[in-house]
PDB file of all heavy atoms in Angstrom:
ATOM      1  N   SER A   1     103.456  76.133 100.418  1.00  0.00           N
ATOM      2  CA  SER A   1     102.391  76.534  99.519  1.00  0.00           C
ATOM      3  C   SER A   1     101.357  75.432  99.423  1.00  0.00           C
ATOM      4  O   SER A   1     101.636  74.276  99.705  1.00  0.00           O
ATOM      5  CB  SER A   1     102.952  76.850  98.131  1.00  0.00           C
ATOM      6  OG  SER A   1     103.590  75.727  97.597  1.00  0.00           O
ATOM      7  N   CYS A   2     100.139  75.803  99.025  1.00  0.00           N
ATOM      8  CA  CYS A   2      99.030  74.869  98.959  1.00  0.00           C
ATOM      9  C   CYS A   2      99.351  73.687  98.061  1.00  0.00           C
ATOM     10  O   CYS A   2      99.756  73.849  96.922  1.00  0.00           O
ATOM     11  CB  CYS A   2      97.784  75.586  98.444  1.00  0.00           C
ATOM     12  SG  CYS A   2      96.358  74.522  98.327  1.00  0.00           S
ATOM     13  N   MET A   3      99.164  72.487  98.559  1.00  0.00           N
ATOM     14  CA  MET A   3      99.514  71.276  97.819  1.00  0.00           C
ATOM     15  C   MET A   3      98.337  70.707  97.037  1.00  0.00           C
ATOM     16  O   MET A   3      98.467  69.697  96.369  1.00  0.00           O
ATOM     17  CB  MET A   3     100.056  70.223  98.779  1.00  0.00           C
ATOM     18  CG  MET A   3     101.353  70.623  99.446  1.00  0.00           C
ATOM     19  SD  MET A   3     101.954  69.401 100.618  1.00  0.00           S
ATOM     20  CE  MET A   3     102.318  68.035  99.517  1.00  0.00           C
ATOM     21  N   LEU A   4      97.169  71.336  97.147  1.00  0.00           N
ATOM     22  CA  LEU A   4      96.004  70.812  96.452  1.00  0.00           C
ATOM     23  C   LEU A   4      95.591  71.769  95.347  1.00  0.00           C
ATOM     24  O   LEU A   4      94.892  72.740  95.578  1.00  0.00           O
ATOM     25  CB  LEU A   4      94.832  70.640  97.428  1.00  0.00           C
ATOM     26  CG  LEU A   4      95.075  69.664  98.577  1.00  0.00           C
ATOM     27  CD1 LEU A   4      93.866  69.630  99.481  1.00  0.00           C
ATOM     28  CD2 LEU A   4      95.376  68.287  98.033  1.00  0.00           C
ATOM     29  N   PRO A   5      96.034  71.532  94.109  1.00  0.00           N
ATOM     30  CA  PRO A   5      95.708  72.441  93.020  1.00  0.00           C
ATOM     31  C   PRO A   5      94.222  72.698  92.860  1.00  0.00           C
ATOM     32  O   PRO A   5      93.827  73.781  92.495  1.00  0.00           O
ATOM     33  CB  PRO A   5      96.285  71.727  91.795  1.00  0.00           C
ATOM     34  CG  PRO A   5      97.398  70.912  92.337  1.00  0.00           C
ATOM     35  CD  PRO A   5      96.937  70.468  93.693  1.00  0.00           C
ATOM     36  N   TYR A   6      93.374  71.709  93.159  1.00  0.00           N
ATOM     37  CA  TYR A   6      91.950  71.935  92.959  1.00  0.00           C
ATOM     38  C   TYR A   6      91.400  72.925  93.967  1.00  0.00           C
ATOM     39  O   TYR A   6      90.295  73.417  93.833  1.00  0.00           O
ATOM     40  CB  TYR A   6      91.187  70.618  93.014  1.00  0.00           C
ATOM     41  CG  TYR A   6      90.822  70.121  94.391  1.00  0.00           C
ATOM     42  CD1 TYR A   6      89.533  70.256  94.873  1.00  0.00           C
ATOM     43  CD2 TYR A   6      91.772  69.505  95.203  1.00  0.00           C
ATOM     44  CE1 TYR A   6      89.185  69.780  96.119  1.00  0.00           C
ATOM     45  CE2 TYR A   6      91.431  69.028  96.440  1.00  0.00           C
ATOM     46  CZ  TYR A   6      90.144  69.159  96.893  1.00  0.00           C
ATOM     47  OH  TYR A   6      89.807  68.685  98.126  1.00  0.00           O
ATOM     48  N   MET A   7      92.198  73.294  94.972  1.00  0.00           N
ATOM     49  CA  MET A   7      91.778  74.297  95.932  1.00  0.00           C
ATOM     50  C   MET A   7      92.154  75.711  95.491  1.00  0.00           C
ATOM     51  O   MET A   7      91.850  76.668  96.166  1.00  0.00           O
ATOM     52  CB  MET A   7      92.428  74.024  97.286  1.00  0.00           C
ATOM     53  CG  MET A   7      92.002  72.712  97.927  1.00  0.00           C
ATOM     54  SD  MET A   7      90.288  72.757  98.412  1.00  0.00           S
ATOM     55  CE  MET A   7      90.221  71.262  99.379  1.00  0.00           C
ATOM     56  N   GLU A   8      92.864  75.823  94.378  1.00  0.00           N
ATOM     57  CA  GLU A   8      93.312  77.138  93.929  1.00  0.00           C
ATOM     58  C   GLU A   8      92.149  77.886  93.294  1.00  0.00           C
ATOM     59  O   GLU A   8      92.137  78.185  92.099  1.00  0.00           O
ATOM     60  CB  GLU A   8      94.466  76.974  92.930  1.00  0.00           C
ATOM     61  CG  GLU A   8      95.721  76.377  93.532  1.00  0.00           C
ATOM     62  CD  GLU A   8      96.463  77.368  94.392  1.00  0.00           C
ATOM     63  OE1 GLU A   8      96.135  78.570  94.341  1.00  0.00           O
ATOM     64  OE2 GLU A   8      97.365  76.961  95.111  1.00  0.00           O
ATOM     65  N   ALA A   9      91.128  78.191  94.109  1.00  0.00           N
ATOM     66  CA  ALA A   9      89.950  78.868  93.586  1.00  0.00           C
ATOM     67  C   ALA A   9      90.223  80.344  93.346  1.00  0.00           C
ATOM     68  O   ALA A   9      91.028  80.960  94.036  1.00  0.00           O
ATOM     69  CB  ALA A   9      88.799  78.712  94.582  1.00  0.00           C
ATOM     70  N   MET A  10      89.573  80.913  92.343  1.00  0.00           N
ATOM     71  CA  MET A  10      89.712  82.332  92.059  1.00  0.00           C
ATOM     72  C   MET A  10      88.776  83.100  92.992  1.00  0.00           C
ATOM     73  O   MET A  10      87.918  82.530  93.666  1.00  0.00           O
ATOM     74  CB  MET A  10      89.358  82.623  90.605  1.00  0.00           C
ATOM     75  CG  MET A  10      90.147  81.783  89.605  1.00  0.00           C
ATOM     76  SD  MET A  10      91.947  81.877  89.835  1.00  0.00           S
ATOM     77  CE  MET A  10      92.188  83.622  89.560  1.00  0.00           C
ATOM     78  N   SER A  11      88.902  84.421  92.977  1.00  0.00           N
ATOM     79  CA  SER A  11      88.151  85.232  93.929  1.00  0.00           C
ATOM     80  C   SER A  11      86.707  85.465  93.508  1.00  0.00           C
ATOM     81  O   SER A  11      85.918  85.970  94.273  1.00  0.00           O
ATOM     82  CB  SER A  11      88.845  86.590  94.106  1.00  0.00           C
ATOM     83  OG  SER A  11      88.946  87.248  92.846  1.00  0.00           O
ATOM     84  N   THR A  12      86.357  85.112  92.257  1.00  0.00           N
ATOM     85  CA  THR A  12      85.001  85.327  91.801  1.00  0.00           C
ATOM     86  C   THR A  12      84.025  84.490  92.618  1.00  0.00           C
ATOM     87  O   THR A  12      84.192  83.289  92.722  1.00  0.00           O
ATOM     88  CB  THR A  12      84.863  84.932  90.311  1.00  0.00           C
ATOM     89  OG1 THR A  12      85.811  85.675  89.562  1.00  0.00           O
ATOM     90  CG2 THR A  12      83.464  85.231  89.806  1.00  0.00           C
ATOM     91  N   PRO A  13      83.001  85.103  93.223  1.00  0.00           N
ATOM     92  CA  PRO A  13      82.050  84.333  94.023  1.00  0.00           C
ATOM     93  C   PRO A  13      81.245  83.386  93.158  1.00  0.00           C
ATOM     94  O   PRO A  13      80.999  83.644  91.988  1.00  0.00           O
ATOM     95  CB  PRO A  13      81.154  85.418  94.637  1.00  0.00           C
ATOM     96  CG  PRO A  13      81.253  86.557  93.690  1.00  0.00           C
ATOM     97  CD  PRO A  13      82.658  86.528  93.171  1.00  0.00           C
ATOM     98  N   LEU A  14      80.815  82.287  93.742  1.00  0.00           N
ATOM     99  CA  LEU A  14      80.040  81.300  93.021  1.00  0.00           C
ATOM    100  C   LEU A  14      78.611  81.797  92.837  1.00  0.00           C
ATOM    101  O   LEU A  14      77.924  82.143  93.780  1.00  0.00           O
ATOM    102  CB  LEU A  14      80.020  79.988  93.801  1.00  0.00           C
ATOM    103  CG  LEU A  14      79.310  78.811  93.145  1.00  0.00           C
ATOM    104  CD1 LEU A  14      80.038  78.402  91.880  1.00  0.00           C
ATOM    105  CD2 LEU A  14      79.233  77.646  94.118  1.00  0.00           C
ATOM    106  N   ALA A  15      78.181  81.864  91.584  1.00  0.00           N
ATOM    107  CA  ALA A  15      76.834  82.320  91.295  1.00  0.00           C
ATOM    108  C   ALA A  15      75.837  81.227  91.631  1.00  0.00           C
ATOM    109  O   ALA A  15      76.196  80.087  91.890  1.00  0.00           O
ATOM    110  CB  ALA A  15      76.723  82.702  89.824  1.00  0.00           C
ATOM    111  N   LYS A  16      74.580  81.558  91.600  1.00  0.00           N
ATOM    112  CA  LYS A  16      73.544  80.566  91.878  1.00  0.00           C
ATOM    113  C   LYS A  16      73.666  79.411  90.904  1.00  0.00           C
ATOM    114  O   LYS A  16      73.725  79.596  89.700  1.00  0.00           O
ATOM    115  CB  LYS A  16      72.159  81.213  91.756  1.00  0.00           C
ATOM    116  CG  LYS A  16      71.029  80.246  92.083  1.00  0.00           C
ATOM    117  CD  LYS A  16      69.692  80.945  91.974  1.00  0.00           C
ATOM    118  CE  LYS A  16      68.565  79.973  92.281  1.00  0.00           C
ATOM    119  NZ  LYS A  16      67.244  80.620  92.188  1.00  0.00           N
ATOM    120  N   VAL A  17      73.710  78.202  91.435  1.00  0.00           N
ATOM    121  CA  VAL A  17      73.848  77.018  90.604  1.00  0.00           C
ATOM    122  C   VAL A  17      72.528  76.754  89.897  1.00  0.00           C
ATOM    123  O   VAL A  17      71.477  76.704  90.504  1.00  0.00           O
ATOM    124  CB  VAL A  17      74.249  75.799  91.457  1.00  0.00           C
ATOM    125  CG1 VAL A  17      74.322  74.560  90.574  1.00  0.00           C
ATOM    126  CG2 VAL A  17      75.582  76.049  92.138  1.00  0.00           C
ATOM    127  N   GLY A  18      72.573  76.549  88.603  1.00  0.00           N
ATOM    128  CA  GLY A  18      71.354  76.285  87.853  1.00  0.00           C
ATOM    129  C   GLY A  18      71.677  75.787  86.467  1.00  0.00           C
ATOM    130  O   GLY A  18      72.836  75.673  86.091  1.00  0.00           O
ATOM    131  N   SER A  19      70.671  75.497  85.703  1.00  0.00           N
ATOM    132  CA  SER A  19      70.883  74.980  84.359  1.00  0.00           C
ATOM    133  C   SER A  19      71.332  76.092  83.422  1.00  0.00           C
ATOM    134  O   SER A  19      70.957  77.250  83.570  1.00  0.00           O
ATOM    135  CB  SER A  19      69.593  74.356  83.832  1.00  0.00           C
ATOM    136  OG  SER A  19      68.565  75.331  83.769  1.00  0.00           O
ATOM    137  N   MET A  20      72.143  75.732  82.442  1.00  0.00           N
ATOM    138  CA  MET A  20      72.632  76.698  81.465  1.00  0.00           C
ATOM    139  C   MET A  20      71.661  76.764  80.299  1.00  0.00           C
ATOM    140  O   MET A  20      71.185  75.753  79.803  1.00  0.00           O
ATOM    141  CB  MET A  20      74.020  76.276  80.967  1.00  0.00           C
ATOM    142  CG  MET A  20      75.109  76.393  82.014  1.00  0.00           C
ATOM    143  SD  MET A  20      75.412  78.113  82.440  1.00  0.00           S
ATOM    144  CE  MET A  20      76.073  78.701  80.887  1.00  0.00           C
ATOM    145  N   SER A  21      71.343  77.962  79.851  1.00  0.00           N
ATOM    146  CA  SER A  21      70.429  78.125  78.729  1.00  0.00           C
ATOM    147  C   SER A  21      71.161  78.040  77.400  1.00  0.00           C
ATOM    148  O   SER A  21      70.540  77.984  76.351  1.00  0.00           O
ATOM    149  CB  SER A  21      69.706  79.477  78.837  1.00  0.00           C
ATOM    150  OG  SER A  21      70.663  80.543  78.830  1.00  0.00           O
ATOM    151  N   GLU A  22      72.483  78.064  77.434  1.00  0.00           N
ATOM    152  CA  GLU A  22      73.261  77.971  76.205  1.00  0.00           C
ATOM    153  C   GLU A  22      74.466  77.074  76.424  1.00  0.00           C
ATOM    154  O   GLU A  22      74.819  76.741  77.550  1.00  0.00           O
ATOM    155  CB  GLU A  22      73.725  79.362  75.762  1.00  0.00           C
ATOM    156  CG  GLU A  22      74.572  80.091  76.790  1.00  0.00           C
ATOM    157  CD  GLU A  22      74.962  81.483  76.321  1.00  0.00           C
ATOM    158  OE1 GLU A  22      74.194  82.096  75.550  1.00  0.00           O
ATOM    159  OE2 GLU A  22      76.039  81.953  76.739  1.00  0.00           O
ATOM    160  N   ALA A  23      75.072  76.653  75.321  1.00  0.00           N
ATOM    161  CA  ALA A  23      76.198  75.725  75.395  1.00  0.00           C
ATOM    162  C   ALA A  23      77.368  76.345  76.137  1.00  0.00           C
ATOM    163  O   ALA A  23      77.657  77.528  75.984  1.00  0.00           O
ATOM    164  CB  ALA A  23      76.621  75.336  73.982  1.00  0.00           C
ATOM    165  N   PRO A  24      78.064  75.544  76.941  1.00  0.00           N
ATOM    166  CA  PRO A  24      79.242  76.064  77.659  1.00  0.00           C
ATOM    167  C   PRO A  24      80.379  76.339  76.685  1.00  0.00           C
ATOM    168  O   PRO A  24      80.499  75.691  75.647  1.00  0.00           O
ATOM    169  CB  PRO A  24      79.596  74.912  78.605  1.00  0.00           C
ATOM    170  CG  PRO A  24      79.082  73.689  77.922  1.00  0.00           C
ATOM    171  CD  PRO A  24      77.821  74.120  77.233  1.00  0.00           C
ATOM    172  N   LYS A  25      81.207  77.299  77.024  1.00  0.00           N
ATOM    173  CA  LYS A  25      82.407  77.590  76.239  1.00  0.00           C
ATOM    174  C   LYS A  25      83.614  77.210  77.083  1.00  0.00           C
ATOM    175  O   LYS A  25      83.767  77.694  78.201  1.00  0.00           O
ATOM    176  CB  LYS A  25      82.459  79.069  75.857  1.00  0.00           C
ATOM    177  CG  LYS A  25      81.336  79.502  74.920  1.00  0.00           C
ATOM    178  CD  LYS A  25      81.416  80.981  74.586  1.00  0.00           C
ATOM    179  CE  LYS A  25      80.301  81.379  73.627  1.00  0.00           C
ATOM    180  NZ  LYS A  25      80.347  82.829  73.291  1.00  0.00           N
ATOM    181  N   ARG A  26      84.457  76.349  76.521  1.00  0.00           N
ATOM    182  CA  ARG A  26      85.586  75.809  77.278  1.00  0.00           C
ATOM    183  C   ARG A  26      86.908  76.244  76.654  1.00  0.00           C
ATOM    184  O   ARG A  26      87.011  76.461  75.442  1.00  0.00           O
ATOM    185  CB  ARG A  26      85.498  74.282  77.332  1.00  0.00           C
ATOM    186  CG  ARG A  26      84.291  73.749  78.084  1.00  0.00           C
ATOM    187  CD  ARG A  26      84.221  72.236  77.996  1.00  0.00           C
ATOM    188  NE  ARG A  26      83.875  71.815  76.646  1.00  0.00           N
ATOM    189  CZ  ARG A  26      82.644  71.468  76.257  1.00  0.00           C
ATOM    190  NH1 ARG A  26      81.638  71.521  77.125  1.00  0.00           N
ATOM    191  NH2 ARG A  26      82.419  71.075  75.026  1.00  0.00           N
ATOM    192  N   LEU A  27      87.945  76.302  77.520  1.00  0.00           N
ATOM    193  CA  LEU A  27      89.262  76.757  77.088  1.00  0.00           C
ATOM    194  C   LEU A  27      90.331  75.811  77.604  1.00  0.00           C
ATOM    195  O   LEU A  27      90.386  75.507  78.799  1.00  0.00           O
ATOM    196  CB  LEU A  27      89.516  78.173  77.632  1.00  0.00           C
ATOM    197  CG  LEU A  27      90.760  78.910  77.156  1.00  0.00           C
ATOM    198  CD1 LEU A  27      90.734  79.146  75.656  1.00  0.00           C
ATOM    199  CD2 LEU A  27      90.863  80.258  77.886  1.00  0.00           C
ATOM    200  N   CYS A  28      91.189  75.307  76.699  1.00  0.00           N
ATOM    201  CA  CYS A  28      92.247  74.366  77.076  1.00  0.00           C
ATOM    202  C   CYS A  28      93.588  74.801  76.481  1.00  0.00           C
ATOM    203  O   CYS A  28      93.642  75.343  75.368  1.00  0.00           O
ATOM    204  CB  CYS A  28      91.944  72.959  76.571  1.00  0.00           C
ATOM    205  SG  CYS A  28      90.579  72.136  77.365  1.00  0.00           S
ATOM    206  N   PHE A  29      94.650  74.520  77.221  1.00  0.00           N
ATOM    207  CA  PHE A  29      96.006  74.782  76.743  1.00  0.00           C
ATOM    208  C   PHE A  29      96.855  73.537  76.966  1.00  0.00           C
ATOM    209  O   PHE A  29      96.862  72.968  78.058  1.00  0.00           O
ATOM    210  CB  PHE A  29      96.623  75.968  77.491  1.00  0.00           C
ATOM    211  CG  PHE A  29      95.901  77.272  77.259  1.00  0.00           C
ATOM    212  CD1 PHE A  29      94.892  77.688  78.121  1.00  0.00           C
ATOM    213  CD2 PHE A  29      96.234  78.079  76.172  1.00  0.00           C
ATOM    214  CE1 PHE A  29      94.229  78.886  77.902  1.00  0.00           C
ATOM    215  CE2 PHE A  29      95.567  79.278  75.951  1.00  0.00           C
ATOM    216  CZ  PHE A  29      94.564  79.682  76.811  1.00  0.00           C
ATOM    217  N   VAL A  30      97.575  73.120  75.928  1.00  0.00           N
ATOM    218  CA  VAL A  30      98.424  71.929  75.984  1.00  0.00           C
ATOM    219  C   VAL A  30      99.835  72.328  75.544  1.00  0.00           C
ATOM    220  O   VAL A  30     100.020  72.886  74.463  1.00  0.00           O
ATOM    221  CB  VAL A  30      97.885  70.812  75.069  1.00  0.00           C
ATOM    222  CG1 VAL A  30      98.797  69.592  75.141  1.00  0.00           C
ATOM    223  CG2 VAL A  30      96.457  70.449  75.456  1.00  0.00           C
TER     224      VAL A  30
END
């Protein structure tokens, strides 16, 4: 199995990179 967790990309295509007009919303689990 893939040994590089940062390569575990989801299937959602990357949208055009640009500035955000609103604050980002982040989600964390500990």
